[in-house]
Amino acid sequence: MSLLLESIVTNGLIFDVFGVFGLGVLALAALRLGAKSKSWGGSMMGYGAVALLAARVYILLAPHFVDMDFLHAIGPLGNALLLGLPPILLTFGLAGVVWGLWGHEKWLKEKY
């Protein structure tokens, strides 16, 4: 296997790039759908996608700025928030996207 391909597979860079890009496109499309059709489901999908994108970016960037000095500086409450933030964002993000899809579909049925 070539060194470049092995590096991409090992580090997962290509998956991270496509994941962040895909979530950004989903957020923009959902927010545009909500603004264009005045559907609360589109807005909810957009909020969920933004929460998923924030969690993904946090997970990618946290190893680069969270070190022992940072953890000592923010204290035990900050440590608990750092530990709980990604699962909360991922949970609410997924719930927002699913609830938004359901709401937009319900809105379309009522409208037409």
PDB file of N, CA and C in Angstrom:
ATOM      1  N   MET A   1       0.847  -1.171   0.000  1.00  0.00           N
ATOM      2  CA  MET A   1       0.000   0.000   0.000  1.00  0.00           C
ATOM      3  C   MET A   1       0.897   1.240   0.000  1.00  0.00           C
ATOM      4  N   SER A   2       0.469   2.280  -0.709  1.00  0.00           N
ATOM      5  CA  SER A   2       1.280   3.486  -0.777  1.00  0.00           C
ATOM      6  C   SER A   2       1.225   4.241   0.552  1.00  0.00           C
ATOM      7  N   LEU A   3       2.221   5.046   0.785  1.00  0.00           N
ATOM      8  CA  LEU A   3       2.326   5.793   2.033  1.00  0.00           C
ATOM      9  C   LEU A   3       1.186   6.799   2.175  1.00  0.00           C
ATOM     10  N   LEU A   4       0.789   7.455   1.081  1.00  0.00           N
ATOM     11  CA  LEU A   4      -0.304   8.423   1.135  1.00  0.00           C
ATOM     12  C   LEU A   4      -1.624   7.741   1.487  1.00  0.00           C
ATOM     13  N   LEU A   5      -1.931   6.642   0.830  1.00  0.00           N
ATOM     14  CA  LEU A   5      -3.173   5.918   1.113  1.00  0.00           C
ATOM     15  C   LEU A   5      -3.176   5.376   2.535  1.00  0.00           C
ATOM     16  N   GLU A   6      -2.059   4.858   2.972  1.00  0.00           N
ATOM     17  CA  GLU A   6      -1.966   4.347   4.344  1.00  0.00           C
ATOM     18  C   GLU A   6      -2.162   5.469   5.359  1.00  0.00           C
ATOM     19  N   SER A   7      -1.610   6.646   5.076  1.00  0.00           N
ATOM     20  CA  SER A   7      -1.779   7.789   5.964  1.00  0.00           C
ATOM     21  C   SER A   7      -3.230   8.246   6.032  1.00  0.00           C
ATOM     22  N   ILE A   8      -3.895   8.262   4.887  1.00  0.00           N
ATOM     23  CA  ILE A   8      -5.301   8.674   4.851  1.00  0.00           C
ATOM     24  C   ILE A   8      -6.169   7.681   5.617  1.00  0.00           C
ATOM     25  N   VAL A   9      -5.938   6.409   5.399  1.00  0.00           N
ATOM     26  CA  VAL A   9      -6.734   5.380   6.070  1.00  0.00           C
ATOM     27  C   VAL A   9      -6.457   5.378   7.568  1.00  0.00           C
ATOM     28  N   THR A  10      -5.208   5.511   7.954  1.00  0.00           N
ATOM     29  CA  THR A  10      -4.847   5.460   9.362  1.00  0.00           C
ATOM     30  C   THR A  10      -5.351   6.685  10.110  1.00  0.00           C
ATOM     31  N   ASN A  11      -5.180   7.846   9.543  1.00  0.00           N
ATOM     32  CA  ASN A  11      -5.572   9.072  10.227  1.00  0.00           C
ATOM     33  C   ASN A  11      -7.034   9.435  10.034  1.00  0.00           C
ATOM     34  N   GLY A  12      -7.676   8.877   9.036  1.00  0.00           N
ATOM     35  CA  GLY A  12      -9.088   9.157   8.812  1.00  0.00           C
ATOM     36  C   GLY A  12      -9.350  10.562   8.321  1.00  0.00           C
ATOM     37  N   LEU A  13      -8.353  11.219   7.773  1.00  0.00           N
ATOM     38  CA  LEU A  13      -8.501  12.610   7.347  1.00  0.00           C
ATOM     39  C   LEU A  13      -9.595  12.774   6.305  1.00  0.00           C
ATOM     40  N   ILE A  14      -9.645  11.883   5.352  1.00  0.00           N
ATOM     41  CA  ILE A  14     -10.624  12.020   4.287  1.00  0.00           C
ATOM     42  C   ILE A  14     -12.046  11.875   4.832  1.00  0.00           C
ATOM     43  N   PHE A  15     -12.238  10.979   5.797  1.00  0.00           N
ATOM     44  CA  PHE A  15     -13.559  10.814   6.393  1.00  0.00           C
ATOM     45  C   PHE A  15     -13.949  12.034   7.217  1.00  0.00           C
ATOM     46  N   ASP A  16     -12.988  12.615   7.917  1.00  0.00           N
ATOM     47  CA  ASP A  16     -13.261  13.826   8.682  1.00  0.00           C
ATOM     48  C   ASP A  16     -13.650  14.983   7.774  1.00  0.00           C
ATOM     49  N   VAL A  17     -12.926  15.139   6.692  1.00  0.00           N
ATOM     50  CA  VAL A  17     -13.222  16.225   5.745  1.00  0.00           C
ATOM     51  C   VAL A  17     -14.603  16.044   5.138  1.00  0.00           C
ATOM     52  N   PHE A  18     -14.904  14.841   4.671  1.00  0.00           N
ATOM     53  CA  PHE A  18     -16.217  14.596   4.075  1.00  0.00           C
ATOM     54  C   PHE A  18     -17.334  14.710   5.111  1.00  0.00           C
ATOM     55  N   GLY A  19     -17.076  14.291   6.343  1.00  0.00           N
ATOM     56  CA  GLY A  19     -18.080  14.402   7.396  1.00  0.00           C
ATOM     57  C   GLY A  19     -18.421  15.843   7.715  1.00  0.00           C
ATOM     58  N   VAL A  20     -17.408  16.678   7.878  1.00  0.00           N
ATOM     59  CA  VAL A  20     -17.641  18.095   8.170  1.00  0.00           C
ATOM     60  C   VAL A  20     -18.284  18.780   6.968  1.00  0.00           C
ATOM     61  N   PHE A  21     -17.809  18.482   5.771  1.00  0.00           N
ATOM     62  CA  PHE A  21     -18.384  19.074   4.565  1.00  0.00           C
ATOM     63  C   PHE A  21     -19.849  18.649   4.394  1.00  0.00           C
ATOM     64  N   GLY A  22     -20.141  17.377   4.594  1.00  0.00           N
ATOM     65  CA  GLY A  22     -21.504  16.880   4.453  1.00  0.00           C
ATOM     66  C   GLY A  22     -22.451  17.490   5.475  1.00  0.00           C
ATOM     67  N   LEU A  23     -22.003  17.623   6.717  1.00  0.00           N
ATOM     68  CA  LEU A  23     -22.853  18.240   7.737  1.00  0.00           C
ATOM     69  C   LEU A  23     -23.073  19.721   7.446  1.00  0.00           C
ATOM     70  N   GLY A  24     -22.059  20.390   6.921  1.00  0.00           N
ATOM     71  CA  GLY A  24     -22.233  21.795   6.541  1.00  0.00           C
ATOM     72  C   GLY A  24     -23.240  21.962   5.422  1.00  0.00           C
ATOM     73  N   VAL A  25     -23.164  21.090   4.421  1.00  0.00           N
ATOM     74  CA  VAL A  25     -24.130  21.142   3.311  1.00  0.00           C
ATOM     75  C   VAL A  25     -25.532  20.830   3.812  1.00  0.00           C
ATOM     76  N   LEU A  26     -25.656  19.840   4.696  1.00  0.00           N
ATOM     77  CA  LEU A  26     -26.959  19.503   5.275  1.00  0.00           C
ATOM     78  C   LEU A  26     -27.528  20.681   6.048  1.00  0.00           C
ATOM     79  N   ALA A  27     -26.700  21.351   6.832  1.00  0.00           N
ATOM     80  CA  ALA A  27     -27.174  22.502   7.599  1.00  0.00           C
ATOM     81  C   ALA A  27     -27.638  23.620   6.677  1.00  0.00           C
ATOM     82  N   LEU A  28     -26.859  23.926   5.655  1.00  0.00           N
ATOM     83  CA  LEU A  28     -27.251  24.991   4.726  1.00  0.00           C
ATOM     84  C   LEU A  28     -28.520  24.640   3.963  1.00  0.00           C
ATOM     85  N   ALA A  29     -28.621  23.399   3.514  1.00  0.00           N
ATOM     86  CA  ALA A  29     -29.815  22.984   2.766  1.00  0.00           C
ATOM     87  C   ALA A  29     -31.051  23.008   3.652  1.00  0.00           C
ATOM     88  N   ALA A  30     -30.927  22.551   4.888  1.00  0.00           N
ATOM     89  CA  ALA A  30     -32.076  22.542   5.789  1.00  0.00           C
ATOM     90  C   ALA A  30     -32.504  23.962   6.157  1.00  0.00           C
ATOM     91  N   LEU A  31     -31.553  24.835   6.398  1.00  0.00           N
ATOM     92  CA  LEU A  31     -31.910  26.220   6.721  1.00  0.00           C
ATOM     93  C   LEU A  31     -32.527  26.928   5.517  1.00  0.00           C
ATOM     94  N   ARG A  32     -32.041  26.616   4.324  1.00  0.00           N
ATOM     95  CA  ARG A  32     -32.639  27.189   3.111  1.00  0.00           C
ATOM     96  C   ARG A  32     -34.057  26.657   2.916  1.00  0.00           C
ATOM     97  N   LEU A  33     -34.252  25.378   3.177  1.00  0.00           N
ATOM     98  CA  LEU A  33     -35.584  24.787   3.082  1.00  0.00           C
ATOM     99  C   LEU A  33     -36.538  25.448   4.068  1.00  0.00           C
ATOM    100  N   GLY A  34     -36.071  25.671   5.284  1.00  0.00           N
ATOM    101  CA  GLY A  34     -36.918  26.321   6.277  1.00  0.00           C
ATOM    102  C   GLY A  34     -37.267  27.750   5.908  1.00  0.00           C
ATOM    103  N   ALA A  35     -36.313  28.466   5.335  1.00  0.00           N
ATOM    104  CA  ALA A  35     -36.573  29.857   4.950  1.00  0.00           C
ATOM    105  C   ALA A  35     -37.444  29.936   3.703  1.00  0.00           C
ATOM    106  N   LYS A  36     -37.228  29.034   2.760  1.00  0.00           N
ATOM    107  CA  LYS A  36     -37.964  29.083   1.499  1.00  0.00           C
ATOM    108  C   LYS A  36     -39.419  28.658   1.672  1.00  0.00           C
ATOM    109  N   SER A  37     -39.642  27.584   2.415  1.00  0.00           N
ATOM    110  CA  SER A  37     -40.999  27.051   2.516  1.00  0.00           C
ATOM    111  C   SER A  37     -41.699  27.445   3.811  1.00  0.00           C
ATOM    112  N   LYS A  38     -41.034  28.220   4.660  1.00  0.00           N
ATOM    113  CA  LYS A  38     -41.600  28.644   5.946  1.00  0.00           C
ATOM    114  C   LYS A  38     -42.037  27.433   6.778  1.00  0.00           C
ATOM    115  N   SER A  39     -41.254  26.371   6.733  1.00  0.00           N
ATOM    116  CA  SER A  39     -41.544  25.152   7.465  1.00  0.00           C
ATOM    117  C   SER A  39     -40.698  25.112   8.732  1.00  0.00           C
ATOM    118  N   TRP A  40     -41.347  24.860   9.874  1.00  0.00           N
ATOM    119  CA  TRP A  40     -40.575  24.758  11.111  1.00  0.00           C
ATOM    120  C   TRP A  40     -39.713  23.503  11.101  1.00  0.00           C
ATOM    121  N   GLY A  41     -40.088  22.499  10.316  1.00  0.00           N
ATOM    122  CA  GLY A  41     -39.286  21.283  10.213  1.00  0.00           C
ATOM    123  C   GLY A  41     -37.933  21.541   9.568  1.00  0.00           C
ATOM    124  N   GLY A  42     -37.923  22.413   8.559  1.00  0.00           N
ATOM    125  CA  GLY A  42     -36.652  22.761   7.927  1.00  0.00           C
ATOM    126  C   GLY A  42     -35.729  23.494   8.889  1.00  0.00           C
ATOM    127  N   SER A  43     -36.303  24.374   9.671  1.00  0.00           N
ATOM    128  CA  SER A  43     -35.497  25.082  10.679  1.00  0.00           C
ATOM    129  C   SER A  43     -34.967  24.117  11.723  1.00  0.00           C
ATOM    130  N   MET A  44     -35.796  23.188  12.163  1.00  0.00           N
ATOM    131  CA  MET A  44     -35.368  22.219  13.170  1.00  0.00           C
ATOM    132  C   MET A  44     -34.266  21.323  12.607  1.00  0.00           C
ATOM    133  N   MET A  45     -34.379  20.918  11.339  1.00  0.00           N
ATOM    134  CA  MET A  45     -33.305  20.132  10.710  1.00  0.00           C
ATOM    135  C   MET A  45     -32.013  20.937  10.670  1.00  0.00           C
ATOM    136  N   GLY A  46     -32.127  22.221  10.366  1.00  0.00           N
ATOM    137  CA  GLY A  46     -30.944  23.070  10.326  1.00  0.00           C
ATOM    138  C   GLY A  46     -30.276  23.192  11.675  1.00  0.00           C
ATOM    139  N   TYR A  47     -31.079  23.378  12.737  1.00  0.00           N
ATOM    140  CA  TYR A  47     -30.508  23.469  14.079  1.00  0.00           C
ATOM    141  C   TYR A  47     -29.838  22.159  14.483  1.00  0.00           C
ATOM    142  N   GLY A  48     -30.477  21.045  14.129  1.00  0.00           N
ATOM    143  CA  GLY A  48     -29.884  19.741  14.436  1.00  0.00           C
ATOM    144  C   GLY A  48     -28.581  19.524  13.690  1.00  0.00           C
ATOM    145  N   ALA A  49     -28.552  19.918  12.421  1.00  0.00           N
ATOM    146  CA  ALA A  49     -27.332  19.751  11.628  1.00  0.00           C
ATOM    147  C   ALA A  49     -26.208  20.640  12.154  1.00  0.00           C
ATOM    148  N   VAL A  50     -26.541  21.841  12.598  1.00  0.00           N
ATOM    149  CA  VAL A  50     -25.524  22.727  13.171  1.00  0.00           C
ATOM    150  C   VAL A  50     -24.991  22.137  14.477  1.00  0.00           C
ATOM    151  N   ALA A  51     -25.861  21.540  15.293  1.00  0.00           N
ATOM    152  CA  ALA A  51     -25.404  20.897  16.530  1.00  0.00           C
ATOM    153  C   ALA A  51     -24.488  19.711  16.215  1.00  0.00           C
ATOM    154  N   LEU A  52     -24.849  18.914  15.209  1.00  0.00           N
ATOM    155  CA  LEU A  52     -23.984  17.803  14.805  1.00  0.00           C
ATOM    156  C   LEU A  52     -22.645  18.299  14.272  1.00  0.00           C
ATOM    157  N   LEU A  53     -22.682  19.377  13.503  1.00  0.00           N
ATOM    158  CA  LEU A  53     -21.452  19.950  12.967  1.00  0.00           C
ATOM    159  C   LEU A  53     -20.566  20.490  14.089  1.00  0.00           C
ATOM    160  N   ALA A  54     -21.168  21.163  15.056  1.00  0.00           N
ATOM    161  CA  ALA A  54     -20.393  21.681  16.193  1.00  0.00           C
ATOM    162  C   ALA A  54     -19.757  20.541  16.984  1.00  0.00           C
ATOM    163  N   ALA A  55     -20.506  19.466  17.192  1.00  0.00           N
ATOM    164  CA  ALA A  55     -19.951  18.315  17.919  1.00  0.00           C
ATOM    165  C   ALA A  55     -18.806  17.684  17.138  1.00  0.00           C
ATOM    166  N   ARG A  56     -18.979  17.571  15.831  1.00  0.00           N
ATOM    167  CA  ARG A  56     -17.930  16.962  14.993  1.00  0.00           C
ATOM    168  C   ARG A  56     -16.658  17.809  15.000  1.00  0.00           C
ATOM    169  N   VAL A  57     -16.803  19.105  14.860  1.00  0.00           N
ATOM    170  CA  VAL A  57     -15.642  19.997  14.883  1.00  0.00           C
ATOM    171  C   VAL A  57     -14.979  19.973  16.254  1.00  0.00           C
ATOM    172  N   TYR A  58     -15.789  19.939  17.318  1.00  0.00           N
ATOM    173  CA  TYR A  58     -15.231  19.860  18.670  1.00  0.00           C
ATOM    174  C   TYR A  58     -14.423  18.578  18.847  1.00  0.00           C
ATOM    175  N   ILE A  59     -14.967  17.457  18.388  1.00  0.00           N
ATOM    176  CA  ILE A  59     -14.272  16.180  18.530  1.00  0.00           C
ATOM    177  C   ILE A  59     -12.966  16.184  17.738  1.00  0.00           C
ATOM    178  N   LEU A  60     -12.976  16.846  16.581  1.00  0.00           N
ATOM    179  CA  LEU A  60     -11.751  16.912  15.775  1.00  0.00           C
ATOM    180  C   LEU A  60     -10.706  17.837  16.374  1.00  0.00           C
ATOM    181  N   LEU A  61     -11.135  18.951  16.981  1.00  0.00           N
ATOM    182  CA  LEU A  61     -10.186  19.952  17.467  1.00  0.00           C
ATOM    183  C   LEU A  61      -9.771  19.766  18.921  1.00  0.00           C
ATOM    184  N   ALA A  62     -10.568  19.066  19.721  1.00  0.00           N
ATOM    185  CA  ALA A  62     -10.274  18.935  21.152  1.00  0.00           C
ATOM    186  C   ALA A  62      -8.896  18.348  21.444  1.00  0.00           C
ATOM    187  N   PRO A  63      -8.435  17.336  20.739  1.00  0.00           N
ATOM    188  CA  PRO A  63      -7.098  16.817  21.060  1.00  0.00           C
ATOM    189  C   PRO A  63      -5.978  17.838  20.862  1.00  0.00           C
ATOM    190  N   HIS A  64      -6.229  18.878  20.085  1.00  0.00           N
ATOM    191  CA  HIS A  64      -5.185  19.861  19.804  1.00  0.00           C
ATOM    192  C   HIS A  64      -5.132  20.988  20.828  1.00  0.00           C
ATOM    193  N   PHE A  65      -6.217  21.216  21.578  1.00  0.00           N
ATOM    194  CA  PHE A  65      -6.160  22.318  22.541  1.00  0.00           C
ATOM    195  C   PHE A  65      -6.456  21.900  23.974  1.00  0.00           C
ATOM    196  N   VAL A  66      -6.913  20.702  24.204  1.00  0.00           N
ATOM    197  CA  VAL A  66      -7.172  20.248  25.572  1.00  0.00           C
ATOM    198  C   VAL A  66      -5.955  19.471  26.058  1.00  0.00           C
ATOM    199  N   ASP A  67      -5.250  20.069  27.019  1.00  0.00           N
ATOM    200  CA  ASP A  67      -4.120  19.403  27.649  1.00  0.00           C
ATOM    201  C   ASP A  67      -4.280  19.509  29.163  1.00  0.00           C
ATOM    202  N   MET A  68      -3.325  19.030  29.904  1.00  0.00           N
ATOM    203  CA  MET A  68      -3.454  19.007  31.366  1.00  0.00           C
ATOM    204  C   MET A  68      -3.524  20.416  31.947  1.00  0.00           C
ATOM    205  N   ASP A  69      -2.777  21.365  31.404  1.00  0.00           N
ATOM    206  CA  ASP A  69      -2.841  22.739  31.908  1.00  0.00           C
ATOM    207  C   ASP A  69      -4.228  23.333  31.687  1.00  0.00           C
ATOM    208  N   PHE A  70      -4.804  23.068  30.536  1.00  0.00           N
ATOM    209  CA  PHE A  70      -6.151  23.555  30.230  1.00  0.00           C
ATOM    210  C   PHE A  70      -7.171  22.930  31.174  1.00  0.00           C
ATOM    211  N   LEU A  71      -7.046  21.637  31.429  1.00  0.00           N
ATOM    212  CA  LEU A  71      -7.982  20.959  32.325  1.00  0.00           C
ATOM    213  C   LEU A  71      -7.876  21.477  33.751  1.00  0.00           C
ATOM    214  N   HIS A  72      -6.652  21.782  34.217  1.00  0.00           N
ATOM    215  CA  HIS A  72      -6.485  22.353  35.555  1.00  0.00           C
ATOM    216  C   HIS A  72      -7.042  23.775  35.613  1.00  0.00           C
ATOM    217  N   ALA A  73      -6.935  24.509  34.523  1.00  0.00           N
ATOM    218  CA  ALA A  73      -7.414  25.897  34.510  1.00  0.00           C
ATOM    219  C   ALA A  73      -8.944  25.990  34.566  1.00  0.00           C
ATOM    220  N   ILE A  74      -9.651  25.041  33.964  1.00  0.00           N
ATOM    221  CA  ILE A  74     -11.111  25.153  33.933  1.00  0.00           C
ATOM    222  C   ILE A  74     -11.782  24.498  35.134  1.00  0.00           C
ATOM    223  N   GLY A  75     -11.060  23.690  35.891  1.00  0.00           N
ATOM    224  CA  GLY A  75     -11.602  23.112  37.117  1.00  0.00           C
ATOM    225  C   GLY A  75     -12.519  21.925  36.874  1.00  0.00           C
ATOM    226  N   PRO A  76     -13.091  21.402  37.961  1.00  0.00           N
ATOM    227  CA  PRO A  76     -13.914  20.202  37.847  1.00  0.00           C
ATOM    228  C   PRO A  76     -15.227  20.419  37.085  1.00  0.00           C
ATOM    229  N   LEU A  77     -15.838  21.581  37.235  1.00  0.00           N
ATOM    230  CA  LEU A  77     -17.078  21.852  36.498  1.00  0.00           C
ATOM    231  C   LEU A  77     -16.801  21.940  34.999  1.00  0.00           C
ATOM    232  N   GLY A  78     -15.729  22.586  34.624  1.00  0.00           N
ATOM    233  CA  GLY A  78     -15.344  22.662  33.217  1.00  0.00           C
ATOM    234  C   GLY A  78     -15.002  21.299  32.648  1.00  0.00           C
ATOM    235  N   ASN A  79     -14.342  20.460  33.467  1.00  0.00           N
ATOM    236  CA  ASN A  79     -14.039  19.101  33.018  1.00  0.00           C
ATOM    237  C   ASN A  79     -15.318  18.318  32.745  1.00  0.00           C
ATOM    238  N   ALA A  80     -16.295  18.472  33.623  1.00  0.00           N
ATOM    239  CA  ALA A  80     -17.572  17.771  33.417  1.00  0.00           C
ATOM    240  C   ALA A  80     -18.267  18.276  32.158  1.00  0.00           C
ATOM    241  N   LEU A  81     -18.202  19.586  31.923  1.00  0.00           N
ATOM    242  CA  LEU A  81     -18.809  20.139  30.708  1.00  0.00           C
ATOM    243  C   LEU A  81     -18.087  19.655  29.452  1.00  0.00           C
ATOM    244  N   LEU A  82     -16.767  19.606  29.498  1.00  0.00           N
ATOM    245  CA  LEU A  82     -16.000  19.110  28.345  1.00  0.00           C
ATOM    246  C   LEU A  82     -16.316  17.647  28.056  1.00  0.00           C
ATOM    247  N   LEU A  83     -16.531  16.884  29.095  1.00  0.00           N
ATOM    248  CA  LEU A  83     -16.840  15.473  28.913  1.00  0.00           C
ATOM    249  C   LEU A  83     -18.272  15.277  28.412  1.00  0.00           C
ATOM    250  N   GLY A  84     -19.198  16.102  28.868  1.00  0.00           N
ATOM    251  CA  GLY A  84     -20.600  15.937  28.502  1.00  0.00           C
ATOM    252  C   GLY A  84     -21.034  16.660  27.251  1.00  0.00           C
ATOM    253  N   LEU A  85     -20.263  17.615  26.786  1.00  0.00           N
ATOM    254  CA  LEU A  85     -20.667  18.422  25.637  1.00  0.00           C
ATOM    255  C   LEU A  85     -20.844  17.628  24.342  1.00  0.00           C
ATOM    256  N   PRO A  86     -19.898  16.794  23.929  1.00  0.00           N
ATOM    257  CA  PRO A  86     -20.101  16.066  22.663  1.00  0.00           C
ATOM    258  C   PRO A  86     -21.322  15.148  22.654  1.00  0.00           C
ATOM    259  N   PRO A  87     -21.561  14.318  23.688  1.00  0.00           N
ATOM    260  CA  PRO A  87     -22.757  13.480  23.630  1.00  0.00           C
ATOM    261  C   PRO A  87     -24.056  14.287  23.629  1.00  0.00           C
ATOM    262  N   ILE A  88     -24.068  15.401  24.340  1.00  0.00           N
ATOM    263  CA  ILE A  88     -25.278  16.240  24.365  1.00  0.00           C
ATOM    264  C   ILE A  88     -25.520  16.849  22.989  1.00  0.00           C
ATOM    265  N   LEU A  89     -24.479  17.397  22.374  1.00  0.00           N
ATOM    266  CA  LEU A  89     -24.629  17.986  21.046  1.00  0.00           C
ATOM    267  C   LEU A  89     -25.027  16.934  20.016  1.00  0.00           C
ATOM    268  N   LEU A  90     -24.421  15.758  20.068  1.00  0.00           N
ATOM    269  CA  LEU A  90     -24.756  14.696  19.123  1.00  0.00           C
ATOM    270  C   LEU A  90     -26.194  14.211  19.313  1.00  0.00           C
ATOM    271  N   THR A  91     -26.620  14.072  20.570  1.00  0.00           N
ATOM    272  CA  THR A  91     -27.973  13.610  20.847  1.00  0.00           C
ATOM    273  C   THR A  91     -29.008  14.618  20.373  1.00  0.00           C
ATOM    274  N   PHE A  92     -28.836  15.886  20.761  1.00  0.00           N
ATOM    275  CA  PHE A  92     -29.796  16.902  20.344  1.00  0.00           C
ATOM    276  C   PHE A  92     -29.725  17.168  18.845  1.00  0.00           C
ATOM    277  N   GLY A  93     -28.543  17.030  18.265  1.00  0.00           N
ATOM    278  CA  GLY A  93     -28.415  17.213  16.830  1.00  0.00           C
ATOM    279  C   GLY A  93     -29.158  16.145  16.046  1.00  0.00           C
ATOM    280  N   LEU A  94     -28.966  14.900  16.429  1.00  0.00           N
ATOM    281  CA  LEU A  94     -29.672  13.818  15.742  1.00  0.00           C
ATOM    282  C   LEU A  94     -31.175  13.932  15.972  1.00  0.00           C
ATOM    283  N   ALA A  95     -31.574  14.247  17.191  1.00  0.00           N
ATOM    284  CA  ALA A  95     -32.999  14.418  17.480  1.00  0.00           C
ATOM    285  C   ALA A  95     -33.578  15.573  16.667  1.00  0.00           C
ATOM    286  N   GLY A  96     -32.829  16.658  16.517  1.00  0.00           N
ATOM    287  CA  GLY A  96     -33.305  17.792  15.731  1.00  0.00           C
ATOM    288  C   GLY A  96     -33.482  17.458  14.264  1.00  0.00           C
ATOM    289  N   VAL A  97     -32.543  16.715  13.706  1.00  0.00           N
ATOM    290  CA  VAL A  97     -32.657  16.333  12.289  1.00  0.00           C
ATOM    291  C   VAL A  97     -33.849  15.411  12.076  1.00  0.00           C
ATOM    292  N   VAL A  98     -34.004  14.416  12.949  1.00  0.00           N
ATOM    293  CA  VAL A  98     -35.117  13.475  12.797  1.00  0.00           C
ATOM    294  C   VAL A  98     -36.453  14.177  13.035  1.00  0.00           C
ATOM    295  N   TRP A  99     -36.534  14.983  14.079  1.00  0.00           N
ATOM    296  CA  TRP A  99     -37.763  15.712  14.372  1.00  0.00           C
ATOM    297  C   TRP A  99     -38.080  16.691  13.244  1.00  0.00           C
ATOM    298  N   GLY A 100     -37.053  17.319  12.680  1.00  0.00           N
ATOM    299  CA  GLY A 100     -37.257  18.230  11.566  1.00  0.00           C
ATOM    300  C   GLY A 100     -37.764  17.537  10.320  1.00  0.00           C
ATOM    301  N   LEU A 101     -37.216  16.351  10.020  1.00  0.00           N
ATOM    302  CA  LEU A 101     -37.717  15.579   8.879  1.00  0.00           C
ATOM    303  C   LEU A 101     -39.179  15.205   9.079  1.00  0.00           C
ATOM    304  N   TRP A 102     -39.516  14.757  10.283  1.00  0.00           N
ATOM    305  CA  TRP A 102     -40.895  14.396  10.586  1.00  0.00           C
ATOM    306  C   TRP A 102     -41.809  15.621  10.493  1.00  0.00           C
ATOM    307  N   GLY A 103     -41.352  16.737  11.053  1.00  0.00           N
ATOM    308  CA  GLY A 103     -42.165  17.946  11.032  1.00  0.00           C
ATOM    309  C   GLY A 103     -42.372  18.504   9.638  1.00  0.00           C
ATOM    310  N   HIS A 104     -41.344  18.464   8.824  1.00  0.00           N
ATOM    311  CA  HIS A 104     -41.481  18.983   7.464  1.00  0.00           C
ATOM    312  C   HIS A 104     -42.408  18.080   6.648  1.00  0.00           C
ATOM    313  N   GLU A 105     -42.287  16.779   6.843  1.00  0.00           N
ATOM    314  CA  GLU A 105     -43.178  15.855   6.135  1.00  0.00           C
ATOM    315  C   GLU A 105     -44.629  16.069   6.568  1.00  0.00           C
ATOM    316  N   LYS A 106     -44.846  16.273   7.848  1.00  0.00           N
ATOM    317  CA  LYS A 106     -46.203  16.540   8.381  1.00  0.00           C
ATOM    318  C   LYS A 106     -46.721  17.869   7.804  1.00  0.00           C
ATOM    319  N   TRP A 107     -45.858  18.874   7.733  1.00  0.00           N
ATOM    320  CA  TRP A 107     -46.245  20.178   7.197  1.00  0.00           C
ATOM    321  C   TRP A 107     -46.630  20.050   5.721  1.00  0.00           C
ATOM    322  N   LEU A 108     -45.874  19.244   4.958  1.00  0.00           N
ATOM    323  CA  LEU A 108     -46.198  19.046   3.547  1.00  0.00           C
ATOM    324  C   LEU A 108     -47.547  18.354   3.366  1.00  0.00           C
ATOM    325  N   LYS A 109     -47.830  17.366   4.212  1.00  0.00           N
ATOM    326  CA  LYS A 109     -49.126  16.673   4.125  1.00  0.00           C
ATOM    327  C   LYS A 109     -50.274  17.619   4.444  1.00  0.00           C
ATOM    328  N   GLU A 110     -50.104  18.491   5.413  1.00  0.00           N
ATOM    329  CA  GLU A 110     -51.159  19.436   5.781  1.00  0.00           C
ATOM    330  C   GLU A 110     -51.338  20.505   4.708  1.00  0.00           C
ATOM    331  N   LYS A 111     -50.255  20.889   4.054  1.00  0.00           N
ATOM    332  CA  LYS A 111     -50.318  21.951   3.077  1.00  0.00           C
ATOM    333  C   LYS A 111     -50.942  21.472   1.770  1.00  0.00           C
ATOM    334  N   TYR A 112     -50.631  20.260   1.343  1.00  0.00           N
ATOM    335  CA  TYR A 112     -51.109  19.771   0.037  1.00  0.00           C
ATOM    336  C   TYR A 112     -52.154  18.733   0.219  1.00  0.00           C
TER     337      TYR A 112
END
